[in-house]
């Protein structure tokens, strides 16, 4: 919760408390005034002296005034309590006040005003004013303002897209040691997308950013050393930079370093890194954790946990996660085998690119387990599998595909496949 939001909440609560107090006070005033007027009316018909009645009349007039004032006060309190808070109605006034404050000579403050207008933080979004504040802040020496102007020129916010101006601003920001600008320039020079590729410059800026402990720069350097496409592969350097980024909770680095440790056989360390990335919502890390619990060593295997992690991936239609959920349902690893559920997951997995799912859903269409038997659909899925998979891996499926056009062979095939699938639910592998 930011400071402005907190101030608004405090202002709202205070305002409503004041109006409640007004309503309470006016209610007491009404009650008191009405009682005194009623007493005067009784006195008029009594035998008390005229002087006493005259004095009572004067007091009663004052009570009537109090009574009327209490009514006005009550109406004011009710109207105020039901109205919108002042800070919501005065957003335009806040806007105007910020324009006046931009006269300040503090570059950090002026740049922060530009960010407010750029993001619409408690003011109306206004790219022109944002650009104006950033330009003012650059004259005051703000490195961040140069970076923000570069971003606006690159994105075309409040101006035409101008890559040349964008790069000029990024360079000026980087010269002032602004780490985000150094990282952006490093990535741009290495990738060579918006600027001509220059590996030497890219590494220069990335290492400047890394020298300031920037997690993204660590990750990019790690990826460059791991891939070996732009610079010679060096797994020692890759692990070093991934490790530095992982310590800064950079999830992509946690994932890549975990995969490296997995390939090296250090499953404990790999699992720790996958868990760290998964906590931050990394889909691939969730799927890899599911694989650990589904196919890992016996002491690590936990089908319920595997299903939990695969479900996280399935929410994003990750094909491997969808296929694995079908695998679990088909074999009844967490509950009784459910062929209908398996078929649903295999269909979705095949739709989103799982080659293995093409084969398994075809077998269900041949046997009619979990779906209505449909040989034509089985042919379509098997054909897709045979075309996409390695020849050695798909040779059995290619034979099955040929048998689908032979009615005698098909009957024997169906019985054999159905028996094999039903037996899967009795195995624990």
Protein backbone atom coordinates (compact mmCIF):
# COMPACT_ATOMS: atom_id res chain seq x y z
CA UNK A 1 0.00 0.00 0.00
CA UNK A 2 1.64 3.28 -1.08
CA UNK A 3 1.78 6.45 1.03
CA UNK A 4 -0.83 8.34 -1.00
CA UNK A 5 -3.33 5.50 -0.75
CA UNK A 6 -2.79 5.31 3.02
CA UNK A 7 -3.33 9.06 3.38
CA UNK A 8 -6.55 8.78 1.35
CA UNK A 9 -7.88 5.99 3.57
CA UNK A 10 -7.06 7.94 6.75
CA UNK A 11 -8.76 11.03 5.27
CA UNK A 12 -11.84 9.02 4.33
CA UNK A 13 -12.19 7.41 7.78
CA UNK A 14 -11.63 10.75 9.56
CA UNK A 15 -14.21 12.50 7.37
CA UNK A 16 -16.86 9.84 7.98
CA UNK A 17 -16.22 9.86 11.75
CA UNK A 18 -16.74 13.64 11.81
CA UNK A 19 -20.07 13.31 9.98
CA UNK A 20 -21.21 10.55 12.34
CA UNK A 21 -20.35 12.84 15.27
CA UNK A 22 -22.40 15.65 13.69
CA UNK A 23 -25.39 13.36 13.28
CA UNK A 24 -25.11 12.22 16.92
CA UNK A 25 -24.78 15.79 18.28
CA UNK A 26 -27.71 17.01 16.18
CA UNK A 27 -29.85 14.10 17.42
CA UNK A 28 -29.09 15.04 21.03
CA UNK A 29 -29.88 18.70 20.23
CA UNK A 30 -33.22 17.77 18.65
CA UNK A 31 -34.16 15.63 21.59
CA UNK A 32 -33.19 18.31 24.14
CA UNK A 33 -34.95 21.16 22.23
CA UNK A 34 -38.16 19.18 21.77
CA UNK A 35 -38.29 18.35 25.49
CA UNK A 36 -37.88 22.01 26.52
CA UNK A 37 -40.58 23.22 24.08
CA UNK A 38 -42.97 20.58 25.46
CA UNK A 39 -42.28 21.78 29.03
CA UNK A 40 -43.01 25.41 28.02
CA UNK A 41 -46.36 24.40 26.49
CA UNK A 42 -47.34 22.83 29.83
CA UNK A 43 -46.23 25.98 31.68
CA UNK A 44 -48.45 28.25 29.52
CA UNK A 45 -51.54 26.51 30.84
CA UNK A 46 -50.28 26.57 34.45
CA UNK A 47 -50.99 29.19 37.19
CA UNK A 48 -47.37 30.36 37.51
CA UNK A 49 -46.61 34.13 37.59
CA UNK A 50 -46.42 36.05 34.30
CA UNK A 51 -42.72 36.96 34.87
CA UNK A 52 -41.77 33.31 35.13
CA UNK A 53 -43.72 32.54 31.96
CA UNK A 54 -41.99 35.43 30.11
CA UNK A 55 -38.55 34.15 31.11
CA UNK A 56 -39.56 30.65 30.05
CA UNK A 57 -40.70 32.07 26.68
CA UNK A 58 -37.27 33.63 26.03
CA UNK A 59 -35.54 30.33 26.89
CA UNK A 60 -37.95 28.40 24.70
CA UNK A 61 -37.19 30.67 21.71
CA UNK A 62 -33.52 29.79 22.18
CA UNK A 63 -34.45 26.09 22.36
CA UNK A 64 -36.44 26.41 19.11
CA UNK A 65 -33.36 27.97 17.44
CA UNK A 66 -31.29 25.05 18.79
CA UNK A 67 -33.92 22.64 17.47
CA UNK A 68 -33.80 24.18 13.95
CA UNK A 69 -29.97 24.29 13.99
CA UNK A 70 -29.92 20.63 14.98
CA UNK A 71 -32.09 19.76 11.97
CA UNK A 72 -29.71 21.61 9.64
CA UNK A 73 -26.72 19.94 11.32
CA UNK A 74 -28.32 16.51 11.00
CA UNK A 75 -29.03 17.01 7.29
CA UNK A 76 -25.44 18.18 6.75
CA UNK A 77 -24.08 15.14 8.55
CA UNK A 78 -26.24 12.67 6.61
CA UNK A 79 -25.44 14.34 3.27
CA UNK A 80 -21.70 14.38 4.05
CA UNK A 81 -21.67 10.77 5.20
CA UNK A 82 -23.30 9.60 1.96
CA UNK A 83 -21.17 11.78 -0.34
CA UNK A 84 -17.93 10.76 -2.10
CA UNK A 85 -14.74 11.51 -0.13
CA UNK A 86 -13.11 14.84 -0.83
CA UNK A 87 -9.86 13.34 -2.11
CA UNK A 88 -11.78 11.52 -4.89
CA UNK A 89 -13.57 14.70 -5.98
CA UNK A 90 -10.41 16.79 -5.90
CA UNK A 91 -8.30 14.62 -8.21
CA UNK A 92 -8.15 17.46 -10.77
CA UNK A 93 -7.01 19.86 -8.04
CA UNK A 94 -4.23 17.43 -7.11
CA UNK A 95 -3.32 17.38 -10.77
CA UNK A 96 -3.03 21.16 -10.88
CA UNK A 97 -1.04 21.31 -7.67
CA UNK A 98 1.51 18.86 -9.07
CA UNK A 99 2.03 21.10 -12.10
CA UNK A 100 2.91 23.93 -9.74
CA UNK A 101 5.23 21.73 -7.70
CA UNK A 102 7.17 20.79 -10.83
CA UNK A 103 8.88 24.17 -10.54
CA UNK A 104 11.00 22.52 -7.84
CA UNK A 105 14.71 22.07 -8.54
CA UNK A 106 15.00 18.57 -7.08
CA UNK A 107 15.65 16.17 -10.03
CA UNK A 108 14.40 13.13 -8.10
CA UNK A 109 11.16 14.89 -7.21
CA UNK A 110 10.55 16.21 -10.73
CA UNK A 111 11.29 12.79 -12.24
CA UNK A 112 8.87 11.18 -9.79
CA UNK A 113 6.16 13.56 -11.03
CA UNK A 114 6.87 12.40 -14.57
CA UNK A 115 6.43 8.79 -13.42
CA UNK A 116 3.11 9.71 -11.81
CA UNK A 117 1.76 11.11 -15.08
CA UNK A 118 3.20 8.23 -17.09
CA UNK A 119 1.57 5.58 -14.87
CA UNK A 120 -1.54 7.50 -13.78
CA UNK A 121 -0.53 7.27 -10.12
CA UNK A 122 -3.25 9.30 -8.31
CA UNK A 123 -3.45 11.66 -11.32
CA UNK A 124 -4.90 11.32 -14.79
CA UNK A 125 -2.46 9.74 -17.25
CA UNK A 126 -0.86 12.46 -19.33
CA UNK A 127 2.09 11.50 -21.53
CA UNK A 128 2.73 15.10 -22.56
CA UNK A 129 3.12 16.22 -18.94
CA UNK A 130 5.17 13.11 -18.15
CA UNK A 131 7.54 13.91 -21.02
CA UNK A 132 7.73 17.55 -19.91
CA UNK A 133 8.68 16.57 -16.36
CA UNK A 134 11.28 14.06 -17.57
CA UNK A 135 12.83 16.67 -19.86
CA UNK A 136 12.97 19.13 -16.96
CA UNK A 137 14.55 16.48 -14.74
CA UNK A 138 17.22 15.68 -17.36
CA UNK A 139 18.27 19.34 -17.30
CA UNK A 140 18.67 18.94 -13.56
CA UNK A 141 20.91 15.89 -14.14
CA UNK A 142 18.51 12.97 -13.49
CA UNK A 143 19.83 9.68 -14.91
CA UNK A 144 16.44 8.01 -14.38
CA UNK A 145 14.70 10.76 -16.36
CA UNK A 146 16.98 10.10 -19.36
CA UNK A 147 16.06 6.41 -19.09
CA UNK A 148 12.32 7.16 -18.91
CA UNK A 149 12.55 9.45 -21.94
CA UNK A 150 14.34 6.64 -23.78
CA UNK A 151 11.50 4.31 -22.87
CA UNK A 152 8.87 6.80 -24.10
CA UNK A 153 10.66 7.30 -27.44
CA UNK A 154 11.09 3.54 -27.86
CA UNK A 155 7.42 2.82 -27.03
CA UNK A 156 5.90 5.84 -28.79
CA UNK A 157 4.21 7.15 -25.62
CA UNK A 158 3.35 10.83 -26.10
CA UNK A 159 5.57 10.97 -29.19
CA UNK A 160 6.43 9.14 -32.39
CA UNK A 161 8.57 6.00 -32.04
CA UNK A 162 12.15 7.17 -32.46
CA UNK A 163 14.77 4.48 -31.84
CA UNK A 164 17.65 6.87 -32.45
CA UNK A 165 16.46 9.30 -29.76
CA UNK A 166 15.65 6.38 -27.49
CA UNK A 167 19.21 5.04 -27.73
CA UNK A 168 20.66 8.53 -27.19
CA UNK A 169 18.67 8.83 -23.96
CA UNK A 170 19.67 5.32 -22.82
CA UNK A 171 23.34 6.13 -23.48
CA UNK A 172 23.16 9.37 -21.47
CA UNK A 173 21.46 7.49 -18.64
CA UNK A 174 24.06 4.69 -18.74
CA UNK A 175 26.88 7.25 -18.70
CA UNK A 176 25.40 8.47 -15.42
CA UNK A 177 25.69 4.89 -14.14
CA UNK A 178 21.94 4.15 -14.20
CA UNK A 179 21.84 0.36 -13.99
CA UNK A 180 18.54 -0.18 -15.87
CA UNK A 181 19.88 1.74 -18.86
CA UNK A 182 23.11 -0.27 -18.82
CA UNK A 183 21.10 -3.51 -18.81
CA UNK A 184 18.79 -2.42 -21.65
CA UNK A 185 21.72 -1.30 -23.80
CA UNK A 186 23.59 -4.53 -23.07
CA UNK A 187 20.63 -6.67 -24.13
CA UNK A 188 19.96 -4.54 -27.23
CA UNK A 189 23.56 -4.70 -28.45
CA UNK A 190 23.78 -8.46 -27.84
CA UNK A 191 20.46 -9.25 -29.53
CA UNK A 192 20.95 -6.73 -32.35
CA UNK A 193 17.20 -6.15 -32.78
CA UNK A 194 16.75 -2.38 -32.42
CA UNK A 195 20.41 -1.58 -32.95
CA UNK A 196 23.21 -3.17 -34.96
CA UNK A 197 24.64 -6.13 -33.05
CA UNK A 198 27.85 -5.34 -31.20
CA UNK A 199 28.85 -8.14 -28.83
CA UNK A 200 31.73 -6.20 -27.32
CA UNK A 201 29.52 -3.23 -26.43
CA UNK A 202 26.77 -5.53 -25.20
CA UNK A 203 29.09 -7.38 -22.81
CA UNK A 204 30.58 -4.05 -21.68
CA UNK A 205 27.21 -2.66 -20.60
CA UNK A 206 26.00 -5.95 -19.13
CA UNK A 207 29.13 -6.25 -16.98
CA UNK A 208 28.71 -2.64 -15.84
CA UNK A 209 25.17 -3.52 -14.75
CA UNK A 210 26.37 -6.77 -13.17
CA UNK A 211 28.94 -4.72 -11.26
CA UNK A 212 25.96 -2.97 -9.66
CA UNK A 213 24.46 -6.32 -8.66
CA UNK A 214 21.66 -6.25 -11.25
CA UNK A 215 19.78 -9.57 -11.38
CA UNK A 216 18.67 -9.29 -15.01
CA UNK A 217 22.24 -8.56 -16.16
CA UNK A 218 23.44 -11.62 -14.23
CA UNK A 219 20.80 -13.75 -15.96
CA UNK A 220 21.60 -12.51 -19.48
CA UNK A 221 25.34 -13.09 -18.95
CA UNK A 222 24.60 -16.59 -17.62
CA UNK A 223 22.43 -17.36 -20.66
CA UNK A 224 25.10 -16.09 -23.07
CA UNK A 225 27.77 -18.31 -21.51
CA UNK A 226 25.44 -21.33 -21.40
CA UNK A 227 24.20 -21.08 -25.00
CA UNK A 228 27.61 -20.46 -26.54
CA UNK A 229 26.06 -18.92 -29.67
CA UNK A 230 27.29 -15.34 -29.25
CA UNK A 231 30.37 -16.03 -27.13
CA UNK A 232 32.26 -19.30 -26.49
CA UNK A 233 30.34 -21.61 -24.15
CA UNK A 234 31.62 -21.60 -20.59
CA UNK A 235 29.48 -23.52 -18.12
CA UNK A 236 31.56 -22.41 -15.15
CA UNK A 237 30.80 -18.76 -15.96
CA UNK A 238 27.19 -19.64 -16.76
CA UNK A 239 26.68 -21.26 -13.36
CA UNK A 240 28.44 -18.35 -11.65
CA UNK A 241 26.17 -15.70 -13.17
CA UNK A 242 23.01 -17.82 -12.83
CA UNK A 243 23.92 -18.36 -9.18
CA UNK A 244 24.34 -14.62 -8.56
CA UNK A 245 20.99 -13.92 -10.23
CA UNK A 246 19.28 -16.76 -8.33
CA UNK A 247 20.39 -15.22 -5.04
CA UNK A 248 18.52 -12.09 -6.13
CA UNK A 249 15.42 -14.25 -6.67
CA UNK A 250 15.61 -14.02 -10.47
CA UNK A 251 13.28 -16.88 -11.40
CA UNK A 252 14.62 -17.57 -14.90
CA UNK A 253 18.09 -18.03 -13.45
CA UNK A 254 16.74 -20.31 -10.74
CA UNK A 255 15.11 -22.41 -13.45
CA UNK A 256 18.17 -22.59 -15.75
CA UNK A 257 20.57 -23.32 -12.89
CA UNK A 258 18.20 -26.00 -11.64
CA UNK A 259 18.17 -27.65 -15.08
CA UNK A 260 21.98 -27.61 -15.16
CA UNK A 261 22.17 -29.25 -11.72
CA UNK A 262 19.56 -31.82 -12.81
CA UNK A 263 21.67 -32.79 -15.85
CA UNK A 264 24.70 -33.06 -13.57
CA UNK A 265 22.79 -35.45 -11.30
CA UNK A 266 22.49 -33.04 -8.36
CA UNK A 267 18.75 -33.57 -7.93
CA UNK A 268 18.54 -32.13 -4.43
CA UNK A 269 19.97 -28.78 -5.51
CA UNK A 270 17.90 -28.80 -8.70
CA UNK A 271 14.71 -29.40 -6.72
CA UNK A 272 15.49 -26.51 -4.34
CA UNK A 273 15.96 -24.13 -7.28
CA UNK A 274 12.80 -25.34 -9.05
CA UNK A 275 10.82 -24.80 -5.84
CA UNK A 276 12.18 -21.25 -5.53
CA UNK A 277 11.18 -20.47 -9.13
CA UNK A 278 7.80 -22.20 -8.76
CA UNK A 279 6.94 -20.02 -5.75
CA UNK A 280 7.26 -17.04 -8.08
CA UNK A 281 4.84 -18.60 -10.56
CA UNK A 282 7.31 -20.01 -13.06
CA UNK A 283 5.28 -22.53 -15.08
CA UNK A 284 8.19 -24.63 -16.34
CA UNK A 285 9.55 -24.95 -12.80
CA UNK A 286 6.17 -26.27 -11.62
CA UNK A 287 6.15 -28.87 -14.41
CA UNK A 288 9.72 -29.97 -13.67
CA UNK A 289 8.82 -30.39 -9.99
CA UNK A 290 5.85 -32.49 -11.06
CA UNK A 291 8.25 -34.67 -13.08
CA UNK A 292 10.46 -35.09 -10.01
CA UNK A 293 7.54 -36.36 -7.93
CA UNK A 294 6.08 -38.51 -10.74
CA UNK A 295 9.18 -40.12 -12.24
CA UNK A 296 11.84 -39.49 -9.61
CA UNK A 297 13.59 -41.96 -7.36
CA UNK A 298 11.41 -44.03 -5.05
CA UNK A 299 12.20 -41.92 -1.97
CA UNK A 300 11.19 -38.76 -3.86
CA UNK A 301 8.08 -40.09 -5.62
CA UNK A 302 4.81 -38.52 -4.48
CA UNK A 303 1.92 -38.70 -6.94
CA UNK A 304 -0.33 -36.27 -5.04
CA UNK A 305 2.39 -33.59 -5.08
CA UNK A 306 3.09 -34.34 -8.75
CA UNK A 307 -0.57 -33.79 -9.58
CA UNK A 308 -0.57 -30.49 -7.62
CA UNK A 309 2.35 -29.08 -9.61
CA UNK A 310 1.02 -30.33 -12.95
CA UNK A 311 -2.33 -28.64 -12.26
CA UNK A 312 -0.52 -25.32 -11.95
CA UNK A 313 0.95 -25.83 -15.40
CA UNK A 314 -2.36 -27.06 -16.81
CA UNK A 315 -4.03 -23.76 -15.85
CA UNK A 316 -1.78 -22.20 -18.48
CA UNK A 317 -2.35 -25.01 -21.00
CA UNK A 318 1.24 -26.21 -20.70
CA UNK A 319 1.19 -29.37 -22.90
CA UNK A 320 3.59 -31.45 -20.78
CA UNK A 321 1.55 -30.74 -17.64
CA UNK A 322 -1.69 -31.65 -19.39
CA UNK A 323 -0.20 -34.89 -20.71
CA UNK A 324 1.14 -35.84 -17.28
CA UNK A 325 -2.30 -35.30 -15.69
CA UNK A 326 -3.73 -37.64 -18.33
CA UNK A 327 -0.95 -40.12 -17.53
CA UNK A 328 -1.87 -39.99 -13.80
CA UNK A 329 -5.62 -40.39 -14.50
CA UNK A 330 -5.08 -43.27 -16.95
CA UNK A 331 -3.01 -45.23 -14.45
CA UNK A 332 -5.07 -44.32 -11.39
CA UNK A 333 -2.03 -43.07 -9.47
CA UNK A 334 -3.90 -40.70 -7.10
CA UNK A 335 -7.38 -42.20 -7.26
CA UNK A 336 -9.29 -44.85 -9.22
CA UNK A 337 -8.37 -44.88 -12.93
CA UNK A 338 -10.54 -42.38 -14.81
CA UNK A 339 -10.35 -42.90 -18.58
CA UNK A 340 -12.77 -40.08 -19.38
CA UNK A 341 -10.60 -37.61 -17.44
CA UNK A 342 -7.46 -39.03 -19.09
CA UNK A 343 -9.03 -38.54 -22.53
CA UNK A 344 -9.91 -34.90 -21.74
CA UNK A 345 -6.33 -34.15 -20.66
CA UNK A 346 -4.80 -35.99 -23.65
CA UNK A 347 -7.06 -34.06 -26.06
CA UNK A 348 -6.03 -30.73 -24.54
CA UNK A 349 -2.37 -31.73 -24.46
CA UNK A 350 -2.49 -32.76 -28.12
CA UNK A 351 -4.19 -29.49 -29.03
CA UNK A 352 -1.37 -27.49 -27.40
CA UNK A 353 1.48 -29.47 -28.95
CA UNK A 354 2.14 -32.67 -26.97
CA UNK A 355 3.33 -35.39 -29.38
CA UNK A 356 2.93 -38.19 -26.82
CA UNK A 357 -0.68 -37.16 -26.20
CA UNK A 358 -1.44 -37.72 -29.91
CA UNK A 359 -0.49 -41.37 -29.49
CA UNK A 360 -2.29 -41.97 -26.19
CA UNK A 361 -5.60 -40.34 -27.17
CA UNK A 362 -5.53 -42.41 -30.38
CA UNK A 363 -5.34 -45.61 -28.33
CA UNK A 364 -8.38 -44.50 -26.31
CA UNK A 365 -10.33 -43.82 -29.53
CA UNK A 366 -9.46 -47.32 -30.76
CA UNK A 367 -10.60 -49.03 -27.54
CA UNK A 368 -13.47 -46.68 -26.67
CA UNK A 369 -12.18 -46.26 -23.10
CA UNK A 370 -13.23 -42.84 -21.75
CA UNK A 371 -14.46 -41.76 -25.22
CA UNK A 372 -16.77 -43.00 -27.92
CA UNK A 373 -14.89 -45.38 -30.22
CA UNK A 374 -13.83 -43.48 -33.33
CA UNK A 375 -11.31 -45.06 -35.72
CA UNK A 376 -11.11 -42.00 -37.96
CA UNK A 377 -10.05 -39.78 -35.07
CA UNK A 378 -7.60 -42.47 -33.99
CA UNK A 379 -6.06 -42.40 -37.48
CA UNK A 380 -5.73 -38.60 -37.41
CA UNK A 381 -3.97 -38.59 -34.04
CA UNK A 382 -1.70 -41.54 -34.85
CA UNK A 383 -0.72 -39.97 -38.18
CA UNK A 384 0.22 -36.74 -36.39
CA UNK A 385 2.26 -38.72 -33.87
CA UNK A 386 4.11 -40.81 -36.48
CA UNK A 387 4.96 -37.70 -38.53
CA UNK A 388 6.26 -35.74 -35.52
CA UNK A 389 8.02 -38.41 -33.45
CA UNK A 390 11.38 -40.09 -34.08
CA UNK A 391 11.17 -43.12 -36.35
CA UNK A 392 12.47 -45.49 -33.66
CA UNK A 393 10.02 -44.13 -31.07
CA UNK A 394 7.03 -44.23 -33.42
CA UNK A 395 7.60 -47.54 -35.20
CA UNK A 396 5.02 -49.46 -33.10
CA UNK A 397 2.43 -46.73 -33.66
CA UNK A 398 3.11 -46.84 -37.39
CA UNK A 399 2.27 -50.57 -37.34
CA UNK A 400 -0.91 -49.88 -35.37
CA UNK A 401 -1.89 -47.24 -37.94
CA UNK A 402 -1.64 -49.83 -40.72
CA UNK A 403 -3.81 -52.29 -38.77
CA UNK A 404 -6.68 -49.81 -38.48
CA UNK A 405 -7.68 -50.49 -42.11
CA UNK A 406 -7.82 -54.26 -41.55
CA UNK A 407 -11.05 -55.23 -39.79
CA UNK A 408 -9.75 -58.62 -38.60
CA UNK A 409 -6.50 -57.17 -37.30
CA UNK A 410 -8.40 -54.24 -35.77
CA UNK A 411 -10.56 -56.50 -33.61
CA UNK A 412 -7.55 -58.32 -32.20
CA UNK A 413 -5.70 -55.02 -31.77
CA UNK A 414 -8.62 -53.48 -29.85
CA UNK A 415 -8.78 -56.39 -27.40
CA UNK A 416 -5.01 -56.35 -26.88
CA UNK A 417 -4.88 -52.57 -26.34
CA UNK A 418 -7.84 -52.59 -23.96
CA UNK A 419 -6.24 -55.34 -21.88
CA UNK A 420 -2.93 -53.45 -21.75
CA UNK A 421 -4.56 -50.15 -20.74
CA UNK A 422 -6.64 -51.80 -18.02
CA UNK A 423 -3.50 -53.47 -16.66
CA UNK A 424 -1.75 -50.08 -16.42
CA UNK A 425 -4.02 -49.11 -13.53
CA UNK A 426 -2.66 -52.08 -11.57
CA UNK A 427 0.99 -51.08 -12.00
CA UNK A 428 2.96 -48.57 -10.00
CA UNK A 429 5.76 -47.35 -12.26
